[in-house]
Amino acid sequence: MLGRSNLVAFLVVGLLIGALSGYLTRPESAEIKLGPLSIEVKGNQIAHDNGPLTSSQVQHIAFITLIGGVIGLGVGFAAGRSRG
């Protein structure tokens, strides 16, 4: 039972680190909505302001969070196999 709790702990830590790194590395983006028309302009630098997140920034954060979770899960499995 102790192995599963370690696995979950590594998964949670991986997700948190992934979410934080995804947020800190989100691309610079601006979204303008005029009625049904939505225009999104992207830059190739890291965003510096704390404005509202655009849909592409949310996708970036979600993707990096997913990668962090997979890495955390892999580390949890590796740590469980090396102990027992």
PDB file of N, CA and C in Angstrom:
ATOM      1  N   MET A   1       0.816  -1.189   0.000  1.00  0.00           N
ATOM      2  CA  MET A   1       0.000   0.000   0.000  1.00  0.00           C
ATOM      3  C   MET A   1       0.864   1.259   0.000  1.00  0.00           C
ATOM      4  N   LEU A   2       2.029   1.180   0.623  1.00  0.00           N
ATOM      5  CA  LEU A   2       2.922   2.323   0.690  1.00  0.00           C
ATOM      6  C   LEU A   2       3.418   2.705  -0.700  1.00  0.00           C
ATOM      7  N   GLY A   3       3.575   1.749  -1.586  1.00  0.00           N
ATOM      8  CA  GLY A   3       4.033   2.015  -2.943  1.00  0.00           C
ATOM      9  C   GLY A   3       3.044   2.850  -3.731  1.00  0.00           C
ATOM     10  N   ARG A   4       1.756   2.605  -3.551  1.00  0.00           N
ATOM     11  CA  ARG A   4       0.738   3.390  -4.265  1.00  0.00           C
ATOM     12  C   ARG A   4       0.703   4.824  -3.787  1.00  0.00           C
ATOM     13  N   SER A   5       0.893   5.038  -2.504  1.00  0.00           N
ATOM     14  CA  SER A   5       0.867   6.411  -2.006  1.00  0.00           C
ATOM     15  C   SER A   5       2.078   7.195  -2.525  1.00  0.00           C
ATOM     16  N   ASN A   6       3.221   6.525  -2.629  1.00  0.00           N
ATOM     17  CA  ASN A   6       4.393   7.179  -3.219  1.00  0.00           C
ATOM     18  C   ASN A   6       4.156   7.496  -4.692  1.00  0.00           C
ATOM     19  N   LEU A   7       3.496   6.598  -5.407  1.00  0.00           N
ATOM     20  CA  LEU A   7       3.189   6.802  -6.813  1.00  0.00           C
ATOM     21  C   LEU A   7       2.279   8.009  -6.985  1.00  0.00           C
ATOM     22  N   VAL A   8       1.257   8.102  -6.147  1.00  0.00           N
ATOM     23  CA  VAL A   8       0.346   9.238  -6.205  1.00  0.00           C
ATOM     24  C   VAL A   8       1.067  10.531  -5.832  1.00  0.00           C
ATOM     25  N   ALA A   9       1.950  10.474  -4.852  1.00  0.00           N
ATOM     26  CA  ALA A   9       2.707  11.660  -4.445  1.00  0.00           C
ATOM     27  C   ALA A   9       3.585  12.149  -5.594  1.00  0.00           C
ATOM     28  N   PHE A  10       4.287  11.249  -6.272  1.00  0.00           N
ATOM     29  CA  PHE A  10       5.114  11.647  -7.401  1.00  0.00           C
ATOM     30  C   PHE A  10       4.264  12.201  -8.538  1.00  0.00           C
ATOM     31  N   LEU A  11       3.091  11.615  -8.760  1.00  0.00           N
ATOM     32  CA  LEU A  11       2.185  12.114  -9.795  1.00  0.00           C
ATOM     33  C   LEU A  11       1.733  13.534  -9.477  1.00  0.00           C
ATOM     34  N   VAL A  12       1.327  13.778  -8.242  1.00  0.00           N
ATOM     35  CA  VAL A  12       0.860  15.108  -7.843  1.00  0.00           C
ATOM     36  C   VAL A  12       1.987  16.130  -7.938  1.00  0.00           C
ATOM     37  N   VAL A  13       3.177  15.758  -7.472  1.00  0.00           N
ATOM     38  CA  VAL A  13       4.320  16.667  -7.563  1.00  0.00           C
ATOM     39  C   VAL A  13       4.646  16.963  -9.026  1.00  0.00           C
ATOM     40  N   GLY A  14       4.606  15.953  -9.875  1.00  0.00           N
ATOM     41  CA  GLY A  14       4.855  16.161 -11.305  1.00  0.00           C
ATOM     42  C   GLY A  14       3.824  17.079 -11.938  1.00  0.00           C
ATOM     43  N   LEU A  15       2.552  16.913 -11.563  1.00  0.00           N
ATOM     44  CA  LEU A  15       1.507  17.785 -12.090  1.00  0.00           C
ATOM     45  C   LEU A  15       1.690  19.226 -11.621  1.00  0.00           C
ATOM     46  N   LEU A  16       2.032  19.405 -10.361  1.00  0.00           N
ATOM     47  CA  LEU A  16       2.228  20.762  -9.836  1.00  0.00           C
ATOM     48  C   LEU A  16       3.423  21.448 -10.488  1.00  0.00           C
ATOM     49  N   ILE A  17       4.522  20.717 -10.623  1.00  0.00           N
ATOM     50  CA  ILE A  17       5.703  21.295 -11.266  1.00  0.00           C
ATOM     51  C   ILE A  17       5.411  21.585 -12.739  1.00  0.00           C
ATOM     52  N   GLY A  18       4.693  20.686 -13.386  1.00  0.00           N
ATOM     53  CA  GLY A  18       4.325  20.916 -14.786  1.00  0.00           C
ATOM     54  C   GLY A  18       3.428  22.128 -14.957  1.00  0.00           C
ATOM     55  N   ALA A  19       2.443  22.283 -14.072  1.00  0.00           N
ATOM     56  CA  ALA A  19       1.541  23.430 -14.158  1.00  0.00           C
ATOM     57  C   ALA A  19       2.298  24.739 -13.924  1.00  0.00           C
ATOM     58  N   LEU A  20       3.181  24.744 -12.951  1.00  0.00           N
ATOM     59  CA  LEU A  20       3.949  25.950 -12.661  1.00  0.00           C
ATOM     60  C   LEU A  20       4.883  26.302 -13.820  1.00  0.00           C
ATOM     61  N   SER A  21       5.580  25.305 -14.335  1.00  0.00           N
ATOM     62  CA  SER A  21       6.494  25.595 -15.443  1.00  0.00           C
ATOM     63  C   SER A  21       5.723  25.961 -16.711  1.00  0.00           C
ATOM     64  N   GLY A  22       4.556  25.372 -16.917  1.00  0.00           N
ATOM     65  CA  GLY A  22       3.732  25.755 -18.060  1.00  0.00           C
ATOM     66  C   GLY A  22       3.241  27.180 -17.958  1.00  0.00           C
ATOM     67  N   TYR A  23       2.856  27.581 -16.757  1.00  0.00           N
ATOM     68  CA  TYR A  23       2.393  28.954 -16.555  1.00  0.00           C
ATOM     69  C   TYR A  23       3.535  29.953 -16.735  1.00  0.00           C
ATOM     70  N   LEU A  24       4.702  29.616 -16.220  1.00  0.00           N
ATOM     71  CA  LEU A  24       5.833  30.530 -16.313  1.00  0.00           C
ATOM     72  C   LEU A  24       6.402  30.626 -17.729  1.00  0.00           C
ATOM     73  N   THR A  25       6.179  29.620 -18.573  1.00  0.00           N
ATOM     74  CA  THR A  25       6.709  29.625 -19.937  1.00  0.00           C
ATOM     75  C   THR A  25       5.629  29.831 -20.980  1.00  0.00           C
ATOM     76  N   ARG A  26       4.442  30.279 -20.569  1.00  0.00           N
ATOM     77  CA  ARG A  26       3.360  30.454 -21.532  1.00  0.00           C
ATOM     78  C   ARG A  26       3.747  31.500 -22.567  1.00  0.00           C
ATOM     79  N   PRO A  27       3.335  31.304 -23.811  1.00  0.00           N
ATOM     80  CA  PRO A  27       3.713  32.252 -24.861  1.00  0.00           C
ATOM     81  C   PRO A  27       2.945  33.564 -24.727  1.00  0.00           C
ATOM     82  N   GLU A  28       3.557  34.611 -25.215  1.00  0.00           N
ATOM     83  CA  GLU A  28       2.901  35.911 -25.231  1.00  0.00           C
ATOM     84  C   GLU A  28       1.761  35.855 -26.243  1.00  0.00           C
ATOM     85  N   SER A  29       0.587  36.273 -25.826  1.00  0.00           N
ATOM     86  CA  SER A  29      -0.572  36.152 -26.683  1.00  0.00           C
ATOM     87  C   SER A  29      -1.605  37.194 -26.287  1.00  0.00           C
ATOM     88  N   ALA A  30      -2.331  37.681 -27.267  1.00  0.00           N
ATOM     89  CA  ALA A  30      -3.416  38.623 -27.013  1.00  0.00           C
ATOM     90  C   ALA A  30      -4.640  38.161 -27.794  1.00  0.00           C
ATOM     91  N   GLU A  31      -5.798  38.275 -27.188  1.00  0.00           N
ATOM     92  CA  GLU A  31      -7.028  37.826 -27.821  1.00  0.00           C
ATOM     93  C   GLU A  31      -8.015  38.990 -27.852  1.00  0.00           C
ATOM     94  N   ILE A  32      -8.527  39.291 -29.034  1.00  0.00           N
ATOM     95  CA  ILE A  32      -9.490  40.374 -29.213  1.00  0.00           C
ATOM     96  C   ILE A  32     -10.787  39.759 -29.704  1.00  0.00           C
ATOM     97  N   LYS A  33     -11.896  40.078 -29.013  1.00  0.00           N
ATOM     98  CA  LYS A  33     -13.196  39.544 -29.408  1.00  0.00           C
ATOM     99  C   LYS A  33     -14.099  40.698 -29.825  1.00  0.00           C
ATOM    100  N   LEU A  34     -14.589  40.626 -31.038  1.00  0.00           N
ATOM    101  CA  LEU A  34     -15.539  41.600 -31.564  1.00  0.00           C
ATOM    102  C   LEU A  34     -16.786  40.848 -32.000  1.00  0.00           C
ATOM    103  N   GLY A  35     -17.756  40.761 -31.110  1.00  0.00           N
ATOM    104  CA  GLY A  35     -18.959  39.987 -31.411  1.00  0.00           C
ATOM    105  C   GLY A  35     -18.613  38.526 -31.600  1.00  0.00           C
ATOM    106  N   PRO A  36     -19.017  37.942 -32.728  1.00  0.00           N
ATOM    107  CA  PRO A  36     -18.707  36.522 -32.965  1.00  0.00           C
ATOM    108  C   PRO A  36     -17.284  36.305 -33.481  1.00  0.00           C
ATOM    109  N   LEU A  37     -16.566  37.387 -33.800  1.00  0.00           N
ATOM    110  CA  LEU A  37     -15.227  37.284 -34.350  1.00  0.00           C
ATOM    111  C   LEU A  37     -14.191  37.315 -33.228  1.00  0.00           C
ATOM    112  N   SER A  38     -13.258  36.383 -33.270  1.00  0.00           N
ATOM    113  CA  SER A  38     -12.205  36.316 -32.269  1.00  0.00           C
ATOM    114  C   SER A  38     -10.852  36.295 -32.978  1.00  0.00           C
ATOM    115  N   ILE A  39     -10.004  37.253 -32.645  1.00  0.00           N
ATOM    116  CA  ILE A  39      -8.686  37.373 -33.263  1.00  0.00           C
ATOM    117  C   ILE A  39      -7.636  37.159 -32.179  1.00  0.00           C
ATOM    118  N   GLU A  40      -6.689  36.269 -32.448  1.00  0.00           N
ATOM    119  CA  GLU A  40      -5.627  35.996 -31.484  1.00  0.00           C
ATOM    120  C   GLU A  40      -4.284  36.289 -32.131  1.00  0.00           C
ATOM    121  N   VAL A  41      -3.487  37.095 -31.450  1.00  0.00           N
ATOM    122  CA  VAL A  41      -2.166  37.479 -31.937  1.00  0.00           C
ATOM    123  C   VAL A  41      -1.141  36.874 -30.987  1.00  0.00           C
ATOM    124  N   LYS A  42      -0.163  36.158 -31.554  1.00  0.00           N
ATOM    125  CA  LYS A  42       0.853  35.500 -30.734  1.00  0.00           C
ATOM    126  C   LYS A  42       2.212  36.128 -30.984  1.00  0.00           C
ATOM    127  N   GLY A  43       2.984  36.229 -29.923  1.00  0.00           N
ATOM    128  CA  GLY A  43       4.372  36.652 -30.019  1.00  0.00           C
ATOM    129  C   GLY A  43       5.265  35.453 -29.779  1.00  0.00           C
ATOM    130  N   ASN A  44       6.547  35.622 -29.977  1.00  0.00           N
ATOM    131  CA  ASN A  44       7.455  34.498 -29.751  1.00  0.00           C
ATOM    132  C   ASN A  44       8.291  34.697 -28.501  1.00  0.00           C
ATOM    133  N   GLN A  45       7.763  35.452 -27.533  1.00  0.00           N
ATOM    134  CA  GLN A  45       8.421  35.639 -26.256  1.00  0.00           C
ATOM    135  C   GLN A  45       7.532  35.111 -25.142  1.00  0.00           C
ATOM    136  N   ILE A  46       8.099  35.023 -23.957  1.00  0.00           N
ATOM    137  CA  ILE A  46       7.341  34.589 -22.789  1.00  0.00           C
ATOM    138  C   ILE A  46       6.494  35.757 -22.300  1.00  0.00           C
ATOM    139  N   ALA A  47       5.254  35.483 -21.916  1.00  0.00           N
ATOM    140  CA  ALA A  47       4.356  36.531 -21.438  1.00  0.00           C
ATOM    141  C   ALA A  47       4.869  37.116 -20.130  1.00  0.00           C
ATOM    142  N   HIS A  48       4.764  38.435 -19.991  1.00  0.00           N
ATOM    143  CA  HIS A  48       5.272  39.110 -18.806  1.00  0.00           C
ATOM    144  C   HIS A  48       4.159  39.672 -17.933  1.00  0.00           C
ATOM    145  N   ASP A  49       2.990  39.884 -18.479  1.00  0.00           N
ATOM    146  CA  ASP A  49       1.923  40.491 -17.695  1.00  0.00           C
ATOM    147  C   ASP A  49       1.026  39.431 -17.066  1.00  0.00           C
ATOM    148  N   ASN A  50       0.184  39.869 -16.171  1.00  0.00           N
ATOM    149  CA  ASN A  50      -0.731  38.949 -15.494  1.00  0.00           C
ATOM    150  C   ASN A  50      -2.153  39.128 -15.999  1.00  0.00           C
ATOM    151  N   GLY A  51      -2.310  39.406 -17.279  1.00  0.00           N
ATOM    152  CA  GLY A  51      -3.627  39.584 -17.868  1.00  0.00           C
ATOM    153  C   GLY A  51      -4.370  38.261 -17.956  1.00  0.00           C
ATOM    154  N   PRO A  52      -5.573  38.296 -18.502  1.00  0.00           N
ATOM    155  CA  PRO A  52      -6.348  37.060 -18.633  1.00  0.00           C
ATOM    156  C   PRO A  52      -5.673  36.077 -19.593  1.00  0.00           C
ATOM    157  N   LEU A  53      -5.804  34.804 -19.297  1.00  0.00           N
ATOM    158  CA  LEU A  53      -5.196  33.768 -20.135  1.00  0.00           C
ATOM    159  C   LEU A  53      -6.018  33.578 -21.401  1.00  0.00           C
ATOM    160  N   THR A  54      -5.333  33.442 -22.516  1.00  0.00           N
ATOM    161  CA  THR A  54      -6.014  33.141 -23.775  1.00  0.00           C
ATOM    162  C   THR A  54      -6.131  31.623 -23.912  1.00  0.00           C
ATOM    163  N   SER A  55      -6.904  31.189 -24.895  1.00  0.00           N
ATOM    164  CA  SER A  55      -7.119  29.751 -25.063  1.00  0.00           C
ATOM    165  C   SER A  55      -5.827  29.023 -25.432  1.00  0.00           C
ATOM    166  N   SER A  56      -4.965  29.641 -26.223  1.00  0.00           N
ATOM    167  CA  SER A  56      -3.712  28.969 -26.577  1.00  0.00           C
ATOM    168  C   SER A  56      -2.777  28.886 -25.375  1.00  0.00           C
ATOM    169  N   GLN A  57      -2.820  29.885 -24.490  1.00  0.00           N
ATOM    170  CA  GLN A  57      -2.008  29.816 -23.280  1.00  0.00           C
ATOM    171  C   GLN A  57      -2.501  28.708 -22.362  1.00  0.00           C
ATOM    172  N   VAL A  58      -3.810  28.548 -22.250  1.00  0.00           N
ATOM    173  CA  VAL A  58      -4.379  27.477 -21.424  1.00  0.00           C
ATOM    174  C   VAL A  58      -3.991  26.118 -21.998  1.00  0.00           C
ATOM    175  N   GLN A  59      -4.022  25.983 -23.315  1.00  0.00           N
ATOM    176  CA  GLN A  59      -3.611  24.730 -23.949  1.00  0.00           C
ATOM    177  C   GLN A  59      -2.136  24.451 -23.682  1.00  0.00           C
ATOM    178  N   HIS A  60      -1.310  25.479 -23.739  1.00  0.00           N
ATOM    179  CA  HIS A  60       0.124  25.315 -23.461  1.00  0.00           C
ATOM    180  C   HIS A  60       0.329  24.835 -22.024  1.00  0.00           C
ATOM    181  N   ILE A  61      -0.346  25.476 -21.077  1.00  0.00           N
ATOM    182  CA  ILE A  61      -0.208  25.101 -19.670  1.00  0.00           C
ATOM    183  C   ILE A  61      -0.698  23.673 -19.452  1.00  0.00           C
ATOM    184  N   ALA A  62      -1.829  23.306 -20.066  1.00  0.00           N
ATOM    185  CA  ALA A  62      -2.364  21.951 -19.915  1.00  0.00           C
ATOM    186  C   ALA A  62      -1.410  20.908 -20.488  1.00  0.00           C
ATOM    187  N   PHE A  63      -0.807  21.205 -21.632  1.00  0.00           N
ATOM    188  CA  PHE A  63       0.116  20.255 -22.254  1.00  0.00           C
ATOM    189  C   PHE A  63       1.366  20.056 -21.402  1.00  0.00           C
ATOM    190  N   ILE A  64       1.931  21.135 -20.883  1.00  0.00           N
ATOM    191  CA  ILE A  64       3.121  21.025 -20.041  1.00  0.00           C
ATOM    192  C   ILE A  64       2.771  20.324 -18.726  1.00  0.00           C
ATOM    193  N   THR A  65       1.573  20.579 -18.200  1.00  0.00           N
ATOM    194  CA  THR A  65       1.128  19.886 -16.983  1.00  0.00           C
ATOM    195  C   THR A  65       1.017  18.388 -17.228  1.00  0.00           C
ATOM    196  N   LEU A  66       0.479  18.009 -18.378  1.00  0.00           N
ATOM    197  CA  LEU A  66       0.370  16.593 -18.736  1.00  0.00           C
ATOM    198  C   LEU A  66       1.743  15.942 -18.827  1.00  0.00           C
ATOM    199  N   ILE A  67       2.684  16.625 -19.440  1.00  0.00           N
ATOM    200  CA  ILE A  67       4.043  16.097 -19.531  1.00  0.00           C
ATOM    201  C   ILE A  67       4.648  15.933 -18.134  1.00  0.00           C
ATOM    202  N   GLY A  68       4.449  16.928 -17.265  1.00  0.00           N
ATOM    203  CA  GLY A  68       4.949  16.830 -15.894  1.00  0.00           C
ATOM    204  C   GLY A  68       4.335  15.664 -15.138  1.00  0.00           C
ATOM    205  N   GLY A  69       3.037  15.412 -15.348  1.00  0.00           N
ATOM    206  CA  GLY A  69       2.378  14.280 -14.704  1.00  0.00           C
ATOM    207  C   GLY A  69       2.931  12.949 -15.181  1.00  0.00           C
ATOM    208  N   VAL A  70       3.172  12.844 -16.480  1.00  0.00           N
ATOM    209  CA  VAL A  70       3.735  11.603 -17.028  1.00  0.00           C
ATOM    210  C   VAL A  70       5.139  11.371 -16.489  1.00  0.00           C
ATOM    211  N   ILE A  71       5.932  12.435 -16.425  1.00  0.00           N
ATOM    212  CA  ILE A  71       7.290  12.298 -15.872  1.00  0.00           C
ATOM    213  C   ILE A  71       7.225  11.914 -14.398  1.00  0.00           C
ATOM    214  N   GLY A  72       6.348  12.551 -13.633  1.00  0.00           N
ATOM    215  CA  GLY A  72       6.194  12.214 -12.219  1.00  0.00           C
ATOM    216  C   GLY A  72       5.745  10.783 -12.021  1.00  0.00           C
ATOM    217  N   LEU A  73       4.831  10.323 -12.861  1.00  0.00           N
ATOM    218  CA  LEU A  73       4.364   8.936 -12.784  1.00  0.00           C
ATOM    219  C   LEU A  73       5.501   7.968 -13.110  1.00  0.00           C
ATOM    220  N   GLY A  74       6.300   8.315 -14.129  1.00  0.00           N
ATOM    221  CA  GLY A  74       7.444   7.474 -14.480  1.00  0.00           C
ATOM    222  C   GLY A  74       8.468   7.402 -13.362  1.00  0.00           C
ATOM    223  N   VAL A  75       8.737   8.529 -12.721  1.00  0.00           N
ATOM    224  CA  VAL A  75       9.670   8.544 -11.599  1.00  0.00           C
ATOM    225  C   VAL A  75       9.108   7.728 -10.439  1.00  0.00           C
ATOM    226  N   GLY A  76       7.797   7.826 -10.211  1.00  0.00           N
ATOM    227  CA  GLY A  76       7.164   7.045  -9.139  1.00  0.00           C
ATOM    228  C   GLY A  76       7.278   5.542  -9.386  1.00  0.00           C
ATOM    229  N   PHE A  77       7.052   5.122 -10.640  1.00  0.00           N
ATOM    230  CA  PHE A  77       7.206   3.704 -10.968  1.00  0.00           C
ATOM    231  C   PHE A  77       8.655   3.257 -10.802  1.00  0.00           C
ATOM    232  N   ALA A  78       9.586   4.091 -11.253  1.00  0.00           N
ATOM    233  CA  ALA A  78      11.009   3.734 -11.148  1.00  0.00           C
ATOM    234  C   ALA A  78      11.439   3.649  -9.686  1.00  0.00           C
ATOM    235  N   ALA A  79      10.946   4.556  -8.864  1.00  0.00           N
ATOM    236  CA  ALA A  79      11.298   4.520  -7.438  1.00  0.00           C
ATOM    237  C   ALA A  79      10.686   3.294  -6.767  1.00  0.00           C
ATOM    238  N   GLY A  80       9.499   2.907  -7.173  1.00  0.00           N
ATOM    239  CA  GLY A  80       8.858   1.722  -6.598  1.00  0.00           C
ATOM    240  C   GLY A  80       9.559   0.431  -6.990  1.00  0.00           C
ATOM    241  N   ARG A  81      10.036   0.367  -8.227  1.00  0.00           N
ATOM    242  CA  ARG A  81      10.732  -0.845  -8.681  1.00  0.00           C
ATOM    243  C   ARG A  81      12.116  -0.972  -8.062  1.00  0.00           C
ATOM    244  N   SER A  82      12.773   0.143  -7.830  1.00  0.00           N
ATOM    245  CA  SER A  82      14.127   0.060  -7.282  1.00  0.00           C
ATOM    246  C   SER A  82      14.136  -0.363  -5.818  1.00  0.00           C
ATOM    247  N   ARG A  83      13.022  -0.114  -5.092  1.00  0.00           N
ATOM    248  CA  ARG A  83      12.961  -0.488  -3.684  1.00  0.00           C
ATOM    249  C   ARG A  83      12.545  -1.941  -3.476  1.00  0.00           C
ATOM    250  N   GLY A  84      11.725  -2.409  -4.368  1.00  0.00           N
ATOM    251  CA  GLY A  84      11.227  -3.722  -4.017  1.00  0.00           C
ATOM    252  C   GLY A  84      11.092  -4.595  -5.150  1.00  0.00           C
TER     253      GLY A  84
END
